[in-house]
Amino acid sequence: MNVGAAVRRVRAYGGQFLLLAVLTLVVTLLISGVPRLVNRLAEQGLRAQLNSEPAARRDLSYTTSLAAATARRTAMGDAAERFDALAAEMPPQVRAAVTERWYSVETAPARVVGPDLAARNLLVDVGLRAMPDVQGTSTLVEGAWPSETYVPDRPIEVALDVDVARKLNLRAGSDLRIGNTDDKGRLLDGAPLVVTGLFRPVDRANGIWDGLPQLLQIIEPQGDGEPFVIVGVVAQSALNKRAVAGWPIQSNWRYRLGVDRIDGRELDQLIDGLQVMQRNQPTGLTLTQGVDVPLRAFAAQIDAVRTLLAVIAAGVLATLAGLIVLAAGLATRRRRSEFALLRARGGGATAGARRSLAESVLVVPVAAALGWWLGTLFPGAPDPTTPYVIVVTVLVTLALPLATLAVPAGGAARRDLIRVRPSTRRLTVEVSLLLLAGLAAVLLRRRGLTLGEVDPLLVSVPVLLAVAAAVLALRAYPWPLLLVSRLAARTRGSVAFLGTARAGRAAVAAPLVVVVLAIGTAAFCAVVAAGVDASRERAAEQVVPADAVIRGERFAPDTVDEVGRLPGVRAVTPVLYENDERFASDEVGTDAFIEQTDVLLVDGSGLDTVARESEVDLPVPGALRTAGPGSGPLPAIVSPAVAADLAKAGLDDSAFISVQGQRYEFRVAGTQDGFALLAANTSRFVILPWQALPRRTTVPVPTSLLIAGHSLDADALRVAGDQGQERYQRDGTVTGRNRPLGVTVDTRADVRRDLGEGGANGVLAFGFVAGAVGGTVLGLLAIAFTVLAGARSRGQVLSRLRTLGLSRRQWRGLLLVELTPLVAVSVLTGALVGTVLPLLLNPVLGLSAFTSGVPVRVAFEPSLVAAVLALGAIALGFAVAVEALNNRRLRLGEVLRLGEES
C-alpha cells in the first residue's frame, strides 16, 4: 500500500480521521489517567482519615506483665535485644510501614512522700521509667539529668516534666522517699529519691511521649482519697538496679506506622499482616493495636467505591466504543462511492478494508500514544494499564477496516425504510440479547459480588441491560409515530405529517443504543448519589434524632430544665441507655435465661416533639407515644431477636428488665429492626416509655439529652451537661466516688458532615461527578452522530421542499418534529435504564460503608423528572444546532446534484 497515497486520503478526509483520533485519545487517556487520579484521591482520603485519628492509634505496642525480672541480663539490655527482634518478626507489609519506634522499662507507681508534697498536703504516686533518647527530645530547664554512673547508696535520681513538677510543688533538689504503703496509706519501706532536674519536651507531639501512663501529664485522682499519679525519668542503670532488687517492672515496645508508608492499594495485605501478628503473639507479651479499625473502615469504602467505579467505567467506555463504531460507520458511509468504484475497477473484496487499515495505522496509534502519555501526567500512583491501552489501540485501528467490509458491494440502497417485520437474523440477535441481559441480571443478584474486584459479570450487566432497553425502544419506536402520522395526515399543513413520517422511518438503531448507554450512565450516577445522600441523612438522624445530643454518665434530673433555658433551645427530652441488661421472669429477679439486651428509656411524647421541632423524620411508635402510668406491664418495643426469645420462654406478655438497679415489668407491644440512638448493627434491644414508669422512691436518671433548637452553642451545652453530672454526684446519689467523665456533645449537622467527608468520599464524589458529566456529554455527542447519520437524506428532502415553497419557518418546524421523537425516546429510555440499574445493583455495591452501616435505599427522585426534561430540551436544541450547522456546511442547494447519495 502506497504510504503517500494513504497520507493524502487522510488529509482529504481530515475531519473524519480527526474525530476518530480524538475518540481514541479520550479512551486511552481515561484508561491511563483515571486509575492514577483514583489512586491519588484514595491516598489523600487515607491520609486524611489516619491523620484525623490520634497518632497513638497507629502504634503497635508489645507489653509484658508487671513482674519481677527473671532474665540473667539487665532489664534494659533484655528490652533492647527484644526491641530489634520483635521488629524483625513482623510481617513484611507491617514492618515496611513502621517509621518510628521506642521502648521503655518502668516500675509500677509507688507512693512518694516528702516535705514539698506535705506542704500542700498532696498524695502522689510515682512510676519510674527508663527509655533511650529522652534527652535528645527534650530540653533541660533546671538541674541535671539522672546520672548513668552507678554509685552505691546514692538516692534514686529522677527527672520530671517541668509543668508536672510545678503543679505538684516539686523542684530540682526535692528530697522524697518512695515505697509501698500499708492499709492506712503509711509508707513502709521507703527508699530515698531525689528530683535532679526538670525538663521540657522539644515537641510535645513527638511519639516518644505517648507511652502510657504519659510522662507529661498528671493522672487525676479517680475519687476522694486517691493519689495523683505521675511518671518520672530515671537512668538505665538505676532501673536495672531496681529490677535486681526485685522491684516489679514492665517492658514496653512501641512501633508506629507512618501515614506516608501505608499504601492504599495494599491495605488488604497490611490488615492481614496485623491479623497474623495478633494471632502469633510472642509468649509472655500482649499486643495492643487499634490501627486495623480505621484501616478496615477505609478498605470497606475503597472496595465499595472501586466496584461502583467499575460500573460507571463500563458505561462510559461502552459509550465511547459505540461512538467509535458510529464514527467509523459514518466515515465509510461518506466514502461508499469510492469503495464501490474500487471494486468496479477490479479490486478484491478486501481492497477497501486494506486501504482503510493503512489510513487507520497512520492516525489511531499516534492518537492512542498521545492519550496514554497525557494520562501518565495525571497525579497518583500508576496501575498496570498499558496492556489495556494496547488492546484498545488494536481494536480501534481495526474499527474502520471492519466498517469498510460491511459496505454493500452494490450501489447505494435506500436507508430510510424499516420493514414492519424484521429479518430472522435480526430477530434472533435481539431475542438472544434480551435473554442474555435477563440471565446476567438474575445471576448477578443470586451470586452477588466480591467488593473491590472488577467482576466481568458486574461490568457486563449494566451494558447488556442498556442495550436490551434500546432494542425494546427500537421495536416500539415506530408504532406510536405511525399512529400520530396517520392522524397528522388528516390535518391541514404538511409539516406535522412529513415530520412524523420521516421520524418513523428513520434508521437510528446504533445511535440510539449509544445514546441510551450514555444517558443511562449519567442517570445511574445521579440516582445512586441521591440515594447515598438521603441515606447519610438517615444515618445522621439515627445517631442524633434531634438538632443536638448530650451524652454522659448520669445527669441530675434538673439538667433538663437547665439545658432548656439555654439560648436557642426549643425542646429537650431525656433518654436513658444501658447495655447488657438481664431479663427476669418475676419481680424478685428470677433469671429468665435469655441473652442480655440493651435497654432504652424514652419519653414518647417528648421524643416526638423534639423530632418534630428538629425536622427529623422519626416515627415514634404509638405504644411509646401514648403510654401512660398504669397498673399493668409497660408496653415495650423490642427487636425481633428479643421478641423471639421472649415468645420461646413464654414471657411475651409479662417479663422484667433491670434499669439502673430497678426492675420494671413490660409486655411486647411491637417489634422493630432498629431505632434511633442505637447502633445500626444492634440486634437486641428493649425500648420502654419513660412517662409510663411506675412511681417509686428511686427514679431513673437520664444518660443523654436530646435537644431541638437553632444556633445551638455546643460549648454551652457541654458546660451544662458537665454541671448536671457534677450535681448528680454531689447530691450523694452515686454509689462510689469516681469522678464522672466529661460529656460529649454531637450535633446532627456535624455528624452529617463527618459522614460526607474524609475516607474514600473524595473517590466516591469523583465517580459520581465524572459519570454524570461524562455520560451527559457523551450522550449529546451520540445525539450529534444520530443527527449526522441522516443529515444528507434530510438535506435532500428539505432542499426539494424548499423548491416547492416550504418557508424557512416551516423548515425549522419540520426539523423539530422529526428530531423530537428521536431525542425524547433516547433520553427517556436512558433515564429509565439509569433509574432501574440502581434497584438491581444497589444490594451488591456495599455503599453502606459510606453511611455508617445504614443500608442505602435508592428511590424515585422527583428532581430526576425535571433533570430529564431539562436534558431532553438541551439535547433537542443541540440536535437542531448540529443539523443547522451541517446544512449550512453542505449548502443544501448542492445536495440535489445527480448521483448525490442518500
Foldseek 3Di string as FASTA:
>chain_A
DDLVVLVVVCVVPVVLLVVLLVLLLVLLLCLWAVVFVLQVLQLVLLLVLCVVDQQCLQKKKKKFDFFFDDDPDFPVVVLVVVQVVVLVPFDPLQSLQFDDKWKKKKFDWWWKDADQQVVVVATETEMEMETPPPPVFKAWDDFDAADQDDDPPDAFEWEAAPVVQVVSRHAAFTKMWTAHADPVRHHDDTTIYGYGTHIHGPDPSPPVQVDPPGRHDWDDAQFPPGHIYHYTYGHSNSVSVCSVVTGTMMMMMMTGGDSVSDRLVCLVVVLVSVVVCCVDPDPRIDIDHNPSVSSVLLNLQLLLLLLVLLQLVLLLVVLSVLVLLLSLLLVLVVCLVVVLVCVVVPDDLQPVLVSLLSSLVVRQVVSLVVSNVSSVPHHGDTDPSVVVSVVSSVVSSNSNSVSNSPRDNDDFDDQLADDLDDDPVVVVVLVVLVVVLVVLLVCCQVVFDDGNDNDPSSSVNLLSVLLNLLVVLLNVQLVVLVVQLVVVVPDPDCLLNLQSVSLSRADCSSLLSSLLSLLLLLLLLVLLVVLLLVLLLVLLCQQALAQKKKFWAFFAQCLLVVVCPDPFFDAKWFKAKDWFWFKAADQVRHGLPDGGFIEMETAQCRSVVRNVLRVGPFDRDPLQPVAAADDAAFEKEWAPVVCVSCVVSVDQRWMWIDDPRHIGIHHHPYYDCGHGNDANPGRTYIYTHQNHGDDDPDHGTGRMMRTHGPPDDQVVSQVSRLVRQVVCVVVVPDDDGGRIDGMDMDGSVVSSVVLCDRRSNVSSVVSSVCSNVSSLVSSLVSLLSSLSVCLLVLLQVLLVVVVVPQDPVSNLSSLLSNCLSSLLSSLVSSSVSSLVVCVSCQVNSSSCSSNSNRRRDRDDDPVVVVVSVVSSVVSSVSSSVSSVVVCVVVVSVPSPDPPRHD
